[in-house]
Amino acid sequence: MEPQPLEEVVRNVDLRLTRVEQILPTLATKVNLQEAIVPLATKVELQAAIAPLATKVELQEAMAPLATKVELQVAIAEAVAPLATKVELQELREEMRHDGERTRRHFDVVAERLEGHIRLIAEGQVFLQSRLEDVRTELKADIAQIDRRVMRLEAAR
């Protein structure tokens, strides 16, 4: 080999070694790994923790009395069947609207009749007021005439 490439190879190895030396302090040692393992559960501890949990068979037995998806769908269909459909609801709304319009027309007729009766009563009141005023005027005239007569009689005595 030529001397210059050999020097370059040595320089590259030296650079790589420097990089490795920089990484080494960040790597875990055997002691660090042993310390990290200490708080972890052992196989026996894991088996003890798992023992009270239900098995697949036990879960299937527990779920046996529960309804299946199909059974729930059938129950829902039976529950919904007697409820009104969208078309029936629209028909009911239309019927209610029609009844409302009919009631409104009837109320308008009744209101017009009442207005007519009230108008008649008001006209009667006006007529009675004018008639009462006429009677009052006549009474005043009669009382004035009687007053004059009484005064003449008293003056003549």
C-alpha atoms as a PDB file:
ATOM      1  CA  MET A   1       0.000   0.000   0.000  1.00  0.00           C
ATOM      2  CA  GLU A   2       1.002   3.497  -0.599  1.00  0.00           C
ATOM      3  CA  PRO A   3       1.914   5.626   2.389  1.00  0.00           C
ATOM      4  CA  GLN A   4      -0.666   8.352   1.817  1.00  0.00           C
ATOM      5  CA  PRO A   5      -3.756   6.134   1.650  1.00  0.00           C
ATOM      6  CA  LEU A   6      -2.492   4.248   4.692  1.00  0.00           C
ATOM      7  CA  GLU A   7      -2.337   7.482   6.639  1.00  0.00           C
ATOM      8  CA  GLU A   8      -5.860   8.298   5.487  1.00  0.00           C
ATOM      9  CA  VAL A   9      -7.113   4.891   6.634  1.00  0.00           C
ATOM     10  CA  VAL A  10      -5.504   5.408  10.047  1.00  0.00           C
ATOM     11  CA  ARG A  11      -7.063   8.870  10.284  1.00  0.00           C
ATOM     12  CA  ASN A  12     -10.518   7.422   9.413  1.00  0.00           C
ATOM     13  CA  VAL A  13     -10.114   4.690  12.046  1.00  0.00           C
ATOM     14  CA  ASP A  14      -9.059   7.325  14.563  1.00  0.00           C
ATOM     15  CA  LEU A  15     -12.186   9.445  13.746  1.00  0.00           C
ATOM     16  CA  ARG A  16     -14.432   6.422  14.112  1.00  0.00           C
ATOM     17  CA  LEU A  17     -12.828   5.507  17.420  1.00  0.00           C
ATOM     18  CA  THR A  18     -13.355   9.062  18.693  1.00  0.00           C
ATOM     19  CA  ARG A  19     -17.038   8.848  17.791  1.00  0.00           C
ATOM     20  CA  VAL A  20     -17.380   5.479  19.543  1.00  0.00           C
ATOM     21  CA  GLU A  21     -15.675   6.912  22.651  1.00  0.00           C
ATOM     22  CA  GLN A  22     -18.251   9.726  22.693  1.00  0.00           C
ATOM     23  CA  ILE A  23     -21.140   7.250  22.531  1.00  0.00           C
ATOM     24  CA  LEU A  24     -19.776   4.816  25.125  1.00  0.00           C
ATOM     25  CA  PRO A  25     -20.601   6.910  28.245  1.00  0.00           C
ATOM     26  CA  THR A  26     -24.282   7.041  27.210  1.00  0.00           C
ATOM     27  CA  LEU A  27     -24.622   3.245  26.930  1.00  0.00           C
ATOM     28  CA  ALA A  28     -25.964   1.200  29.883  1.00  0.00           C
ATOM     29  CA  THR A  29     -23.568  -1.006  31.814  1.00  0.00           C
ATOM     30  CA  LYS A  30     -24.257  -4.460  33.220  1.00  0.00           C
ATOM     31  CA  VAL A  31     -24.878  -2.897  36.647  1.00  0.00           C
ATOM     32  CA  ASN A  32     -27.326  -0.387  35.167  1.00  0.00           C
ATOM     33  CA  LEU A  33     -29.258  -3.202  33.494  1.00  0.00           C
ATOM     34  CA  GLN A  34     -29.397  -5.243  36.701  1.00  0.00           C
ATOM     35  CA  GLU A  35     -30.693  -2.196  38.615  1.00  0.00           C
ATOM     36  CA  ALA A  36     -33.345  -1.604  35.943  1.00  0.00           C
ATOM     37  CA  ILE A  37     -34.526  -5.237  36.123  1.00  0.00           C
ATOM     38  CA  VAL A  38     -34.935  -5.315  39.935  1.00  0.00           C
ATOM     39  CA  PRO A  39     -38.388  -3.550  40.076  1.00  0.00           C
ATOM     40  CA  LEU A  40     -39.820  -5.768  37.292  1.00  0.00           C
ATOM     41  CA  ALA A  41     -42.182  -8.621  38.195  1.00  0.00           C
ATOM     42  CA  THR A  42     -40.943 -12.190  38.132  1.00  0.00           C
ATOM     43  CA  LYS A  43     -42.667 -15.031  36.293  1.00  0.00           C
ATOM     44  CA  VAL A  44     -44.160 -16.272  39.592  1.00  0.00           C
ATOM     45  CA  GLU A  45     -45.467 -12.788  40.442  1.00  0.00           C
ATOM     46  CA  LEU A  46     -47.042 -12.454  36.992  1.00  0.00           C
ATOM     47  CA  GLN A  47     -48.749 -15.867  37.318  1.00  0.00           C
ATOM     48  CA  ALA A  48     -50.078 -14.855  40.767  1.00  0.00           C
ATOM     49  CA  ALA A  49     -51.477 -11.616  39.281  1.00  0.00           C
ATOM     50  CA  ILE A  50     -53.110 -13.466  36.370  1.00  0.00           C
ATOM     51  CA  ALA A  51     -54.605 -16.310  38.459  1.00  0.00           C
ATOM     52  CA  PRO A  52     -57.757 -14.443  39.658  1.00  0.00           C
ATOM     53  CA  LEU A  53     -58.618 -13.277  36.130  1.00  0.00           C
ATOM     54  CA  ALA A  54     -61.365 -15.083  34.199  1.00  0.00           C
ATOM     55  CA  THR A  55     -60.491 -17.506  31.434  1.00  0.00           C
ATOM     56  CA  LYS A  56     -61.968 -17.419  27.950  1.00  0.00           C
ATOM     57  CA  VAL A  57     -64.319 -20.317  28.835  1.00  0.00           C
ATOM     58  CA  GLU A  58     -65.470 -18.560  32.027  1.00  0.00           C
ATOM     59  CA  LEU A  59     -66.192 -15.364  30.066  1.00  0.00           C
ATOM     60  CA  GLN A  60     -68.190 -17.323  27.462  1.00  0.00           C
ATOM     61  CA  GLU A  61     -70.210 -18.996  30.226  1.00  0.00           C
ATOM     62  CA  ALA A  62     -70.871 -15.613  31.860  1.00  0.00           C
ATOM     63  CA  MET A  63     -72.011 -14.116  28.533  1.00  0.00           C
ATOM     64  CA  ALA A  64     -74.302 -17.044  27.656  1.00  0.00           C
ATOM     65  CA  PRO A  65     -77.475 -15.509  29.232  1.00  0.00           C
ATOM     66  CA  LEU A  66     -76.900 -12.181  27.444  1.00  0.00           C
ATOM     67  CA  ALA A  67     -78.855 -11.377  24.290  1.00  0.00           C
ATOM     68  CA  THR A  68     -77.173 -11.759  20.931  1.00  0.00           C
ATOM     69  CA  LYS A  69     -77.043  -9.047  18.310  1.00  0.00           C
ATOM     70  CA  VAL A  70     -79.816 -10.761  16.323  1.00  0.00           C
ATOM     71  CA  GLU A  71     -82.021 -11.078  19.436  1.00  0.00           C
ATOM     72  CA  LEU A  72     -81.541  -7.367  20.167  1.00  0.00           C
ATOM     73  CA  GLN A  73     -82.410  -6.460  16.574  1.00  0.00           C
ATOM     74  CA  VAL A  74     -85.605  -8.544  16.772  1.00  0.00           C
ATOM     75  CA  ALA A  75     -86.566  -6.937  20.107  1.00  0.00           C
ATOM     76  CA  ILE A  76     -85.981  -3.448  18.699  1.00  0.00           C
ATOM     77  CA  ALA A  77     -88.008  -4.250  15.582  1.00  0.00           C
ATOM     78  CA  GLU A  78     -90.891  -5.507  17.753  1.00  0.00           C
ATOM     79  CA  ALA A  79     -90.731  -2.397  19.940  1.00  0.00           C
ATOM     80  CA  VAL A  80     -90.658  -0.029  16.964  1.00  0.00           C
ATOM     81  CA  ALA A  81     -93.387  -1.798  14.960  1.00  0.00           C
ATOM     82  CA  PRO A  82     -96.395  -0.235  16.770  1.00  0.00           C
ATOM     83  CA  LEU A  83     -94.920   3.279  16.480  1.00  0.00           C
ATOM     84  CA  ALA A  84     -96.229   5.616  13.789  1.00  0.00           C
ATOM     85  CA  THR A  85     -94.374   5.750  10.499  1.00  0.00           C
ATOM     86  CA  LYS A  86     -93.180   8.958   8.900  1.00  0.00           C
ATOM     87  CA  VAL A  87     -96.127   8.891   6.478  1.00  0.00           C
ATOM     88  CA  GLU A  88     -98.591   8.399   9.331  1.00  0.00           C
ATOM     89  CA  LEU A  89     -97.038  11.306  11.215  1.00  0.00           C
ATOM     90  CA  GLN A  90     -97.328  13.507   8.147  1.00  0.00           C
ATOM     91  CA  GLU A  91    -100.979  12.506   7.776  1.00  0.00           C
ATOM     92  CA  LEU A  92    -101.581  13.341  11.450  1.00  0.00           C
ATOM     93  CA  ARG A  93     -99.889  16.717  11.024  1.00  0.00           C
ATOM     94  CA  GLU A  94    -102.001  17.438   7.946  1.00  0.00           C
ATOM     95  CA  GLU A  95    -105.178  16.455   9.810  1.00  0.00           C
ATOM     96  CA  MET A  96    -104.189  18.651  12.762  1.00  0.00           C
ATOM     97  CA  ARG A  97    -103.488  21.577  10.424  1.00  0.00           C
ATOM     98  CA  HIS A  98    -106.887  21.065   8.761  1.00  0.00           C
ATOM     99  CA  ASP A  99    -108.623  20.925  12.164  1.00  0.00           C
ATOM    100  CA  GLY A 100    -106.796  24.092  13.203  1.00  0.00           C
ATOM    101  CA  GLU A 101    -107.961  25.919  10.083  1.00  0.00           C
ATOM    102  CA  ARG A 102    -111.541  24.739  10.620  1.00  0.00           C
ATOM    103  CA  THR A 103    -111.445  25.853  14.263  1.00  0.00           C
ATOM    104  CA  ARG A 104    -110.010  29.215  13.227  1.00  0.00           C
ATOM    105  CA  ARG A 105    -112.824  29.730  10.685  1.00  0.00           C
ATOM    106  CA  HIS A 106    -115.436  28.788  13.304  1.00  0.00           C
ATOM    107  CA  PHE A 107    -113.866  31.195  15.797  1.00  0.00           C
ATOM    108  CA  ASP A 108    -113.898  33.970  13.180  1.00  0.00           C
ATOM    109  CA  VAL A 109    -117.637  33.407  12.625  1.00  0.00           C
ATOM    110  CA  VAL A 110    -118.317  33.448  16.382  1.00  0.00           C
ATOM    111  CA  ALA A 111    -116.192  36.595  16.778  1.00  0.00           C
ATOM    112  CA  GLU A 112    -118.142  38.344  13.979  1.00  0.00           C
ATOM    113  CA  ARG A 113    -121.451  37.426  15.681  1.00  0.00           C
ATOM    114  CA  LEU A 114    -120.153  38.767  18.974  1.00  0.00           C
ATOM    115  CA  GLU A 115    -119.001  41.974  17.285  1.00  0.00           C
ATOM    116  CA  GLY A 116    -122.513  42.365  15.809  1.00  0.00           C
ATOM    117  CA  HIS A 117    -124.137  41.861  19.208  1.00  0.00           C
ATOM    118  CA  ILE A 118    -121.737  44.283  20.853  1.00  0.00           C
ATOM    119  CA  ARG A 119    -122.462  46.845  18.108  1.00  0.00           C
ATOM    120  CA  LEU A 120    -126.219  46.450  18.736  1.00  0.00           C
ATOM    121  CA  ILE A 121    -125.742  46.912  22.473  1.00  0.00           C
ATOM    122  CA  ALA A 122    -123.610  50.016  21.867  1.00  0.00           C
ATOM    123  CA  GLU A 123    -126.239  51.490  19.521  1.00  0.00           C
ATOM    124  CA  GLY A 124    -128.928  50.716  22.121  1.00  0.00           C
ATOM    125  CA  GLN A 125    -126.877  52.490  24.775  1.00  0.00           C
ATOM    126  CA  VAL A 126    -126.510  55.568  22.550  1.00  0.00           C
ATOM    127  CA  PHE A 127    -130.266  55.567  21.883  1.00  0.00           C
ATOM    128  CA  LEU A 128    -131.038  55.161  25.605  1.00  0.00           C
ATOM    129  CA  GLN A 129    -128.651  58.001  26.483  1.00  0.00           C
ATOM    130  CA  SER A 130    -130.343  60.356  24.040  1.00  0.00           C
ATOM    131  CA  ARG A 131    -133.796  59.244  25.199  1.00  0.00           C
ATOM    132  CA  LEU A 132    -132.790  59.731  28.850  1.00  0.00           C
ATOM    133  CA  GLU A 133    -131.487  63.196  28.010  1.00  0.00           C
ATOM    134  CA  ASP A 134    -134.852  64.042  26.368  1.00  0.00           C
ATOM    135  CA  VAL A 135    -136.778  62.809  29.436  1.00  0.00           C
ATOM    136  CA  ARG A 136    -134.469  64.793  31.703  1.00  0.00           C
ATOM    137  CA  THR A 137    -135.059  67.942  29.653  1.00  0.00           C
ATOM    138  CA  GLU A 138    -138.845  67.404  29.766  1.00  0.00           C
ATOM    139  CA  LEU A 139    -138.721  66.831  33.536  1.00  0.00           C
ATOM    140  CA  LYS A 140    -136.735  70.018  34.062  1.00  0.00           C
ATOM    141  CA  ALA A 141    -139.284  71.949  32.029  1.00  0.00           C
ATOM    142  CA  ASP A 142    -142.182  70.383  33.994  1.00  0.00           C
ATOM    143  CA  ILE A 143    -140.499  71.104  37.339  1.00  0.00           C
ATOM    144  CA  ALA A 144    -139.836  74.686  36.287  1.00  0.00           C
ATOM    145  CA  GLN A 145    -143.505  75.087  35.312  1.00  0.00           C
ATOM    146  CA  ILE A 146    -144.647  73.579  38.635  1.00  0.00           C
ATOM    147  CA  ASP A 147    -142.239  75.886  40.467  1.00  0.00           C
ATOM    148  CA  ARG A 148    -143.787  78.932  38.742  1.00  0.00           C
ATOM    149  CA  ARG A 149    -147.295  77.772  39.656  1.00  0.00           C
ATOM    150  CA  VAL A 150    -146.321  77.224  43.286  1.00  0.00           C
ATOM    151  CA  MET A 151    -144.768  80.686  43.414  1.00  0.00           C
ATOM    152  CA  ARG A 152    -147.899  82.280  41.932  1.00  0.00           C
ATOM    153  CA  LEU A 153    -150.056  80.484  44.473  1.00  0.00           C
ATOM    154  CA  GLU A 154    -147.870  81.613  47.337  1.00  0.00           C
ATOM    155  CA  ALA A 155    -147.734  85.148  46.002  1.00  0.00           C
ATOM    156  CA  ALA A 156    -151.539  85.212  45.635  1.00  0.00           C
ATOM    157  CA  ARG A 157    -152.155  84.297  49.303  1.00  0.00           C
END
